[in-house]
Amino acid sequence: MERQELEQELKRIIIEACNIPDAPEDFPSESPLIGPESPLDLDSLDAVEVVVVVQKHFGVRIGGEDSSREVLASVNTLADYIESNA
């Protein structure tokens, strides 16, 4: 899977998993994924959903709280993690 396809797939499954009806059509892959600066307005509960769906969908294991916070910083960091751990 090409990098751009991976990022688009991540955005799609994140929007779906977190049930975001008015999600932006597209948003920068480097924008924050969780927190007030997130274009999706995701919170820590959404972060748990994202971890679960990404682990199921891509077969990667996202570790403890510190590493998951780094991995979930943006779609870019999540894609980097999947590419290096899949």
PDB file of N, CA and C in Angstrom:
ATOM      1  N   MET A   1       0.857  -1.191   0.000  1.00  0.00           N
ATOM      2  CA  MET A   1       0.000   0.000   0.000  1.00  0.00           C
ATOM      3  C   MET A   1       0.894   1.242   0.000  1.00  0.00           C
ATOM      4  N   GLU A   2       0.604   2.151  -0.896  1.00  0.00           N
ATOM      5  CA  GLU A   2       1.378   3.386  -0.957  1.00  0.00           C
ATOM      6  C   GLU A   2       1.058   4.268   0.240  1.00  0.00           C
ATOM      7  N   ARG A   3       2.016   5.151   0.555  1.00  0.00           N
ATOM      8  CA  ARG A   3       1.879   6.010   1.727  1.00  0.00           C
ATOM      9  C   ARG A   3       0.592   6.843   1.677  1.00  0.00           C
ATOM     10  N   GLN A   4       0.311   7.451   0.539  1.00  0.00           N
ATOM     11  CA  GLN A   4      -0.881   8.293   0.431  1.00  0.00           C
ATOM     12  C   GLN A   4      -2.152   7.465   0.637  1.00  0.00           C
ATOM     13  N   GLU A   5      -2.167   6.248   0.089  1.00  0.00           N
ATOM     14  CA  GLU A   5      -3.322   5.360   0.287  1.00  0.00           C
ATOM     15  C   GLU A   5      -3.471   5.001   1.759  1.00  0.00           C
ATOM     16  N   LEU A   6      -2.350   4.724   2.415  1.00  0.00           N
ATOM     17  CA  LEU A   6      -2.364   4.377   3.838  1.00  0.00           C
ATOM     18  C   LEU A   6      -2.955   5.525   4.654  1.00  0.00           C
ATOM     19  N   GLU A   7      -2.503   6.747   4.380  1.00  0.00           N
ATOM     20  CA  GLU A   7      -3.021   7.910   5.118  1.00  0.00           C
ATOM     21  C   GLU A   7      -4.519   8.094   4.875  1.00  0.00           C
ATOM     22  N   GLN A   8      -4.968   7.938   3.635  1.00  0.00           N
ATOM     23  CA  GLN A   8      -6.394   8.078   3.327  1.00  0.00           C
ATOM     24  C   GLN A   8      -7.215   6.988   4.035  1.00  0.00           C
ATOM     25  N   GLU A   9      -6.690   5.769   4.034  1.00  0.00           N
ATOM     26  CA  GLU A   9      -7.372   4.652   4.704  1.00  0.00           C
ATOM     27  C   GLU A   9      -7.460   4.915   6.209  1.00  0.00           C
ATOM     28  N   LEU A  10      -6.377   5.414   6.799  1.00  0.00           N
ATOM     29  CA  LEU A  10      -6.385   5.752   8.225  1.00  0.00           C
ATOM     30  C   LEU A  10      -7.451   6.806   8.522  1.00  0.00           C
ATOM     31  N   LYS A  11      -7.494   7.850   7.728  1.00  0.00           N
ATOM     32  CA  LYS A  11      -8.490   8.908   7.938  1.00  0.00           C
ATOM     33  C   LYS A  11      -9.899   8.321   7.865  1.00  0.00           C
ATOM     34  N   ARG A  12     -10.126   7.473   6.877  1.00  0.00           N
ATOM     35  CA  ARG A  12     -11.455   6.881   6.691  1.00  0.00           C
ATOM     36  C   ARG A  12     -11.857   6.035   7.902  1.00  0.00           C
ATOM     37  N   ILE A  13     -10.960   5.145   8.346  1.00  0.00           N
ATOM     38  CA  ILE A  13     -11.346   4.265   9.458  1.00  0.00           C
ATOM     39  C   ILE A  13     -11.437   5.016  10.780  1.00  0.00           C
ATOM     40  N   ILE A  14     -10.645   6.080  10.947  1.00  0.00           N
ATOM     41  CA  ILE A  14     -10.731   6.882  12.169  1.00  0.00           C
ATOM     42  C   ILE A  14     -12.079   7.605  12.219  1.00  0.00           C
ATOM     43  N   ILE A  15     -12.461   8.213  11.103  1.00  0.00           N
ATOM     44  CA  ILE A  15     -13.746   8.926  11.043  1.00  0.00           C
ATOM     45  C   ILE A  15     -14.903   7.955  11.289  1.00  0.00           C
ATOM     46  N   GLU A  16     -14.801   6.768  10.687  1.00  0.00           N
ATOM     47  CA  GLU A  16     -15.828   5.743  10.848  1.00  0.00           C
ATOM     48  C   GLU A  16     -15.880   5.232  12.297  1.00  0.00           C
ATOM     49  N   ALA A  17     -14.725   4.879  12.859  1.00  0.00           N
ATOM     50  CA  ALA A  17     -14.661   4.307  14.208  1.00  0.00           C
ATOM     51  C   ALA A  17     -15.161   5.287  15.266  1.00  0.00           C
ATOM     52  N   CYS A  18     -14.850   6.570  15.072  1.00  0.00           N
ATOM     53  CA  CYS A  18     -15.238   7.577  16.060  1.00  0.00           C
ATOM     54  C   CYS A  18     -16.585   8.211  15.743  1.00  0.00           C
ATOM     55  N   ASN A  19     -17.227   7.725  14.664  1.00  0.00           N
ATOM     56  CA  ASN A  19     -18.574   8.161  14.322  1.00  0.00           C
ATOM     57  C   ASN A  19     -18.680   9.691  14.243  1.00  0.00           C
ATOM     58  N   ILE A  20     -17.897  10.284  13.347  1.00  0.00           N
ATOM     59  CA  ILE A  20     -17.849  11.738  13.198  1.00  0.00           C
ATOM     60  C   ILE A  20     -18.663  12.132  11.967  1.00  0.00           C
ATOM     61  N   PRO A  21     -19.921  12.550  12.174  1.00  0.00           N
ATOM     62  CA  PRO A  21     -20.803  12.820  11.036  1.00  0.00           C
ATOM     63  C   PRO A  21     -20.374  14.009  10.177  1.00  0.00           C
ATOM     64  N   ASP A  22     -19.834  15.051  10.792  1.00  0.00           N
ATOM     65  CA  ASP A  22     -19.479  16.251  10.026  1.00  0.00           C
ATOM     66  C   ASP A  22     -17.971  16.405   9.890  1.00  0.00           C
ATOM     67  N   ALA A  23     -17.283  15.270   9.729  1.00  0.00           N
ATOM     68  CA  ALA A  23     -15.832  15.294   9.582  1.00  0.00           C
ATOM     69  C   ALA A  23     -15.449  16.043   8.315  1.00  0.00           C
ATOM     70  N   PRO A  24     -14.331  16.780   8.366  1.00  0.00           N
ATOM     71  CA  PRO A  24     -13.881  17.456   7.147  1.00  0.00           C
ATOM     72  C   PRO A  24     -13.576  16.437   6.053  1.00  0.00           C
ATOM     73  N   GLU A  25     -13.832  16.794   4.816  1.00  0.00           N
ATOM     74  CA  GLU A  25     -13.589  15.906   3.672  1.00  0.00           C
ATOM     75  C   GLU A  25     -12.156  15.395   3.688  1.00  0.00           C
ATOM     76  N   ASP A  26     -11.238  16.316   3.902  1.00  0.00           N
ATOM     77  CA  ASP A  26      -9.834  15.936   4.022  1.00  0.00           C
ATOM     78  C   ASP A  26      -9.207  16.907   5.010  1.00  0.00           C
ATOM     79  N   PHE A  27      -8.178  16.465   5.667  1.00  0.00           N
ATOM     80  CA  PHE A  27      -7.473  17.332   6.600  1.00  0.00           C
ATOM     81  C   PHE A  27      -5.997  16.968   6.525  1.00  0.00           C
ATOM     82  N   PRO A  28      -5.116  17.902   6.895  1.00  0.00           N
ATOM     83  CA  PRO A  28      -3.683  17.631   6.778  1.00  0.00           C
ATOM     84  C   PRO A  28      -3.261  16.445   7.640  1.00  0.00           C
ATOM     85  N   SER A  29      -2.459  15.571   7.064  1.00  0.00           N
ATOM     86  CA  SER A  29      -2.007  14.377   7.790  1.00  0.00           C
ATOM     87  C   SER A  29      -1.107  14.728   8.969  1.00  0.00           C
ATOM     88  N   GLU A  30      -0.535  15.945   8.949  1.00  0.00           N
ATOM     89  CA  GLU A  30       0.336  16.345  10.058  1.00  0.00           C
ATOM     90  C   GLU A  30      -0.407  17.081  11.169  1.00  0.00           C
ATOM     91  N   SER A  31      -1.705  17.342  10.982  1.00  0.00           N
ATOM     92  CA  SER A  31      -2.449  18.034  12.034  1.00  0.00           C
ATOM     93  C   SER A  31      -2.682  17.089  13.220  1.00  0.00           C
ATOM     94  N   PRO A  32      -2.791  17.663  14.435  1.00  0.00           N
ATOM     95  CA  PRO A  32      -2.981  16.828  15.620  1.00  0.00           C
ATOM     96  C   PRO A  32      -4.226  15.943  15.491  1.00  0.00           C
ATOM     97  N   LEU A  33      -4.094  14.713  15.949  1.00  0.00           N
ATOM     98  CA  LEU A  33      -5.204  13.771  15.847  1.00  0.00           C
ATOM     99  C   LEU A  33      -6.138  13.874  17.055  1.00  0.00           C
ATOM    100  N   ILE A  34      -5.547  14.070  18.227  1.00  0.00           N
ATOM    101  CA  ILE A  34      -6.317  14.108  19.474  1.00  0.00           C
ATOM    102  C   ILE A  34      -6.150  15.485  20.117  1.00  0.00           C
ATOM    103  N   GLY A  35      -7.214  15.995  20.725  1.00  0.00           N
ATOM    104  CA  GLY A  35      -7.114  17.243  21.474  1.00  0.00           C
ATOM    105  C   GLY A  35      -7.814  18.407  20.792  1.00  0.00           C
ATOM    106  N   PRO A  36      -7.742  19.574  21.427  1.00  0.00           N
ATOM    107  CA  PRO A  36      -8.482  20.744  20.945  1.00  0.00           C
ATOM    108  C   PRO A  36      -8.029  21.241  19.567  1.00  0.00           C
ATOM    109  N   GLU A  37      -6.778  20.970  19.171  1.00  0.00           N
ATOM    110  CA  GLU A  37      -6.296  21.424  17.863  1.00  0.00           C
ATOM    111  C   GLU A  37      -6.661  20.444  16.750  1.00  0.00           C
ATOM    112  N   SER A  38      -7.238  19.299  17.113  1.00  0.00           N
ATOM    113  CA  SER A  38      -7.584  18.282  16.126  1.00  0.00           C
ATOM    114  C   SER A  38      -8.730  18.748  15.234  1.00  0.00           C
ATOM    115  N   PRO A  39      -8.581  18.615  13.895  1.00  0.00           N
ATOM    116  CA  PRO A  39      -9.700  18.970  13.019  1.00  0.00           C
ATOM    117  C   PRO A  39     -10.906  18.052  13.226  1.00  0.00           C
ATOM    118  N   LEU A  40     -10.668  16.882  13.839  1.00  0.00           N
ATOM    119  CA  LEU A  40     -11.760  15.943  14.101  1.00  0.00           C
ATOM    120  C   LEU A  40     -12.329  16.091  15.507  1.00  0.00           C
ATOM    121  N   ASP A  41     -11.667  16.923  16.337  1.00  0.00           N
ATOM    122  CA  ASP A  41     -12.110  17.173  17.711  1.00  0.00           C
ATOM    123  C   ASP A  41     -12.188  15.871  18.520  1.00  0.00           C
ATOM    124  N   LEU A  42     -11.155  15.037  18.397  1.00  0.00           N
ATOM    125  CA  LEU A  42     -11.132  13.760  19.114  1.00  0.00           C
ATOM    126  C   LEU A  42     -10.608  13.937  20.528  1.00  0.00           C
ATOM    127  N   ASP A  43     -11.142  13.126  21.454  1.00  0.00           N
ATOM    128  CA  ASP A  43     -10.679  13.162  22.835  1.00  0.00           C
ATOM    129  C   ASP A  43     -10.040  11.829  23.201  1.00  0.00           C
ATOM    130  N   SER A  44      -9.710  11.663  24.471  1.00  0.00           N
ATOM    131  CA  SER A  44      -9.000  10.453  24.897  1.00  0.00           C
ATOM    132  C   SER A  44      -9.830   9.179  24.713  1.00  0.00           C
ATOM    133  N   LEU A  45     -11.141   9.275  24.824  1.00  0.00           N
ATOM    134  CA  LEU A  45     -11.978   8.096  24.573  1.00  0.00           C
ATOM    135  C   LEU A  45     -11.929   7.699  23.100  1.00  0.00           C
ATOM    136  N   ASP A  46     -11.919   8.712  22.231  1.00  0.00           N
ATOM    137  CA  ASP A  46     -11.778   8.437  20.801  1.00  0.00           C
ATOM    138  C   ASP A  46     -10.428   7.790  20.518  1.00  0.00           C
ATOM    139  N   ALA A  47      -9.403   8.217  21.249  1.00  0.00           N
ATOM    140  CA  ALA A  47      -8.061   7.652  21.062  1.00  0.00           C
ATOM    141  C   ALA A  47      -8.080   6.143  21.296  1.00  0.00           C
ATOM    142  N   VAL A  48      -8.823   5.696  22.285  1.00  0.00           N
ATOM    143  CA  VAL A  48      -8.943   4.262  22.563  1.00  0.00           C
ATOM    144  C   VAL A  48      -9.595   3.561  21.373  1.00  0.00           C
ATOM    145  N   GLU A  49     -10.655   4.151  20.838  1.00  0.00           N
ATOM    146  CA  GLU A  49     -11.319   3.600  19.652  1.00  0.00           C
ATOM    147  C   GLU A  49     -10.344   3.486  18.484  1.00  0.00           C
ATOM    148  N   VAL A  50      -9.553   4.545  18.277  1.00  0.00           N
ATOM    149  CA  VAL A  50      -8.588   4.562  17.174  1.00  0.00           C
ATOM    150  C   VAL A  50      -7.573   3.437  17.340  1.00  0.00           C
ATOM    151  N   VAL A  51      -7.042   3.277  18.547  1.00  0.00           N
ATOM    152  CA  VAL A  51      -6.061   2.215  18.802  1.00  0.00           C
ATOM    153  C   VAL A  51      -6.669   0.851  18.480  1.00  0.00           C
ATOM    154  N   VAL A  52      -7.872   0.607  18.958  1.00  0.00           N
ATOM    155  CA  VAL A  52      -8.527  -0.690  18.744  1.00  0.00           C
ATOM    156  C   VAL A  52      -8.738  -0.955  17.257  1.00  0.00           C
ATOM    157  N   VAL A  53      -9.289   0.016  16.532  1.00  0.00           N
ATOM    158  CA  VAL A  53      -9.581  -0.203  15.116  1.00  0.00           C
ATOM    159  C   VAL A  53      -8.303  -0.329  14.285  1.00  0.00           C
ATOM    160  N   VAL A  54      -7.277   0.438  14.616  1.00  0.00           N
ATOM    161  CA  VAL A  54      -6.010   0.349  13.877  1.00  0.00           C
ATOM    162  C   VAL A  54      -5.344  -0.999  14.129  1.00  0.00           C
ATOM    163  N   GLN A  55      -5.362  -1.448  15.373  1.00  0.00           N
ATOM    164  CA  GLN A  55      -4.765  -2.756  15.703  1.00  0.00           C
ATOM    165  C   GLN A  55      -5.478  -3.867  14.947  1.00  0.00           C
ATOM    166  N   LYS A  56      -6.814  -3.819  14.897  1.00  0.00           N
ATOM    167  CA  LYS A  56      -7.585  -4.842  14.184  1.00  0.00           C
ATOM    168  C   LYS A  56      -7.346  -4.774  12.685  1.00  0.00           C
ATOM    169  N   HIS A  57      -7.425  -3.567  12.139  1.00  0.00           N
ATOM    170  CA  HIS A  57      -7.364  -3.368  10.696  1.00  0.00           C
ATOM    171  C   HIS A  57      -5.983  -3.662  10.111  1.00  0.00           C
ATOM    172  N   PHE A  58      -4.935  -3.247  10.821  1.00  0.00           N
ATOM    173  CA  PHE A  58      -3.585  -3.360  10.278  1.00  0.00           C
ATOM    174  C   PHE A  58      -2.745  -4.441  10.950  1.00  0.00           C
ATOM    175  N   GLY A  59      -3.280  -5.061  12.007  1.00  0.00           N
ATOM    176  CA  GLY A  59      -2.551  -6.130  12.672  1.00  0.00           C
ATOM    177  C   GLY A  59      -1.284  -5.681  13.381  1.00  0.00           C
ATOM    178  N   VAL A  60      -1.276  -4.435  13.843  1.00  0.00           N
ATOM    179  CA  VAL A  60      -0.127  -3.936  14.604  1.00  0.00           C
ATOM    180  C   VAL A  60      -0.537  -3.775  16.056  1.00  0.00           C
ATOM    181  N   ARG A  61       0.431  -3.826  16.924  1.00  0.00           N
ATOM    182  CA  ARG A  61       0.187  -3.661  18.362  1.00  0.00           C
ATOM    183  C   ARG A  61       0.691  -2.295  18.786  1.00  0.00           C
ATOM    184  N   ILE A  62      -0.201  -1.469  19.314  1.00  0.00           N
ATOM    185  CA  ILE A  62       0.197  -0.152  19.827  1.00  0.00           C
ATOM    186  C   ILE A  62       0.316  -0.281  21.331  1.00  0.00           C
ATOM    187  N   GLY A  63       1.507   0.028  21.855  1.00  0.00           N
ATOM    188  CA  GLY A  63       1.866  -0.250  23.251  1.00  0.00           C
ATOM    189  C   GLY A  63       1.214   0.621  24.291  1.00  0.00           C
ATOM    190  N   GLY A  64       1.969   0.904  25.345  1.00  0.00           N
ATOM    191  CA  GLY A  64       1.474   1.618  26.519  1.00  0.00           C
ATOM    192  C   GLY A  64       1.104   3.067  26.250  1.00  0.00           C
ATOM    193  N   GLU A  65       0.736   3.751  27.309  1.00  0.00           N
ATOM    194  CA  GLU A  65       0.211   5.109  27.209  1.00  0.00           C
ATOM    195  C   GLU A  65       1.191   6.072  26.535  1.00  0.00           C
ATOM    196  N   ASP A  66       2.466   6.022  26.925  1.00  0.00           N
ATOM    197  CA  ASP A  66       3.450   6.944  26.347  1.00  0.00           C
ATOM    198  C   ASP A  66       3.618   6.721  24.854  1.00  0.00           C
ATOM    199  N   SER A  67       3.807   5.455  24.464  1.00  0.00           N
ATOM    200  CA  SER A  67       4.023   5.202  23.036  1.00  0.00           C
ATOM    201  C   SER A  67       2.761   5.484  22.239  1.00  0.00           C
ATOM    202  N   SER A  68       1.588   5.180  22.779  1.00  0.00           N
ATOM    203  CA  SER A  68       0.364   5.442  22.025  1.00  0.00           C
ATOM    204  C   SER A  68       0.140   6.941  21.859  1.00  0.00           C
ATOM    205  N   ARG A  69       0.548   7.736  22.828  1.00  0.00           N
ATOM    206  CA  ARG A  69       0.400   9.191  22.703  1.00  0.00           C
ATOM    207  C   ARG A  69       1.278   9.701  21.560  1.00  0.00           C
ATOM    208  N   GLU A  70       2.493   9.161  21.460  1.00  0.00           N
ATOM    209  CA  GLU A  70       3.393   9.551  20.365  1.00  0.00           C
ATOM    210  C   GLU A  70       2.858   9.057  19.020  1.00  0.00           C
ATOM    211  N   VAL A  71       2.419   7.807  18.986  1.00  0.00           N
ATOM    212  CA  VAL A  71       1.919   7.201  17.747  1.00  0.00           C
ATOM    213  C   VAL A  71       0.689   7.944  17.250  1.00  0.00           C
ATOM    214  N   LEU A  72      -0.181   8.368  18.153  1.00  0.00           N
ATOM    215  CA  LEU A  72      -1.432   9.031  17.779  1.00  0.00           C
ATOM    216  C   LEU A  72      -1.302  10.551  17.646  1.00  0.00           C
ATOM    217  N   ALA A  73      -0.089  11.051  17.574  1.00  0.00           N
ATOM    218  CA  ALA A  73       0.099  12.504  17.460  1.00  0.00           C
ATOM    219  C   ALA A  73      -0.569  13.047  16.201  1.00  0.00           C
ATOM    220  N   SER A  74      -0.476  12.296  15.099  1.00  0.00           N
ATOM    221  CA  SER A  74      -1.079  12.723  13.832  1.00  0.00           C
ATOM    222  C   SER A  74      -1.265  11.492  12.943  1.00  0.00           C
ATOM    223  N   VAL A  75      -1.938  11.681  11.829  1.00  0.00           N
ATOM    224  CA  VAL A  75      -2.074  10.584  10.862  1.00  0.00           C
ATOM    225  C   VAL A  75      -0.687  10.192  10.351  1.00  0.00           C
ATOM    226  N   ASN A  76       0.195  11.187  10.175  1.00  0.00           N
ATOM    227  CA  ASN A  76       1.569  10.902   9.735  1.00  0.00           C
ATOM    228  C   ASN A  76       2.297   9.965  10.688  1.00  0.00           C
ATOM    229  N   THR A  77       2.255  10.273  11.983  1.00  0.00           N
ATOM    230  CA  THR A  77       2.972   9.438  12.954  1.00  0.00           C
ATOM    231  C   THR A  77       2.351   8.051  13.040  1.00  0.00           C
ATOM    232  N   LEU A  78       1.053   7.973  12.884  1.00  0.00           N
ATOM    233  CA  LEU A  78       0.360   6.683  12.896  1.00  0.00           C
ATOM    234  C   LEU A  78       0.763   5.855  11.677  1.00  0.00           C
ATOM    235  N   ALA A  79       0.819   6.499  10.515  1.00  0.00           N
ATOM    236  CA  ALA A  79       1.240   5.805   9.289  1.00  0.00           C
ATOM    237  C   ALA A  79       2.692   5.339   9.406  1.00  0.00           C
ATOM    238  N   ASP A  80       3.561   6.190   9.974  1.00  0.00           N
ATOM    239  CA  ASP A  80       4.972   5.802  10.190  1.00  0.00           C
ATOM    240  C   ASP A  80       5.039   4.538  11.045  1.00  0.00           C
ATOM    241  N   TYR A  81       4.251   4.530  12.119  1.00  0.00           N
ATOM    242  CA  TYR A  81       4.253   3.400  13.042  1.00  0.00           C
ATOM    243  C   TYR A  81       3.781   2.122  12.347  1.00  0.00           C
ATOM    244  N   ILE A  82       2.726   2.229  11.575  1.00  0.00           N
ATOM    245  CA  ILE A  82       2.194   1.050  10.862  1.00  0.00           C
ATOM    246  C   ILE A  82       3.220   0.537   9.863  1.00  0.00           C
ATOM    247  N   GLU A  83       3.845   1.455   9.119  1.00  0.00           N
ATOM    248  CA  GLU A  83       4.846   1.047   8.130  1.00  0.00           C
ATOM    249  C   GLU A  83       6.030   0.330   8.775  1.00  0.00           C
ATOM    250  N   SER A  84       6.437   0.772   9.952  1.00  0.00           N
ATOM    251  CA  SER A  84       7.601   0.159  10.576  1.00  0.00           C
ATOM    252  C   SER A  84       7.271  -1.044  11.441  1.00  0.00           C
ATOM    253  N   ASN A  85       5.979  -1.303  11.700  1.00  0.00           N
ATOM    254  CA  ASN A  85       5.604  -2.416  12.578  1.00  0.00           C
ATOM    255  C   ASN A  85       4.695  -3.463  11.919  1.00  0.00           C
ATOM    256  N   ALA A  86       4.267  -3.222  10.714  1.00  0.00           N
ATOM    257  CA  ALA A  86       3.344  -4.162  10.052  1.00  0.00           C
ATOM    258  C   ALA A  86       4.097  -5.357   9.469  1.00  0.00           C
TER     259      ALA A  86
END
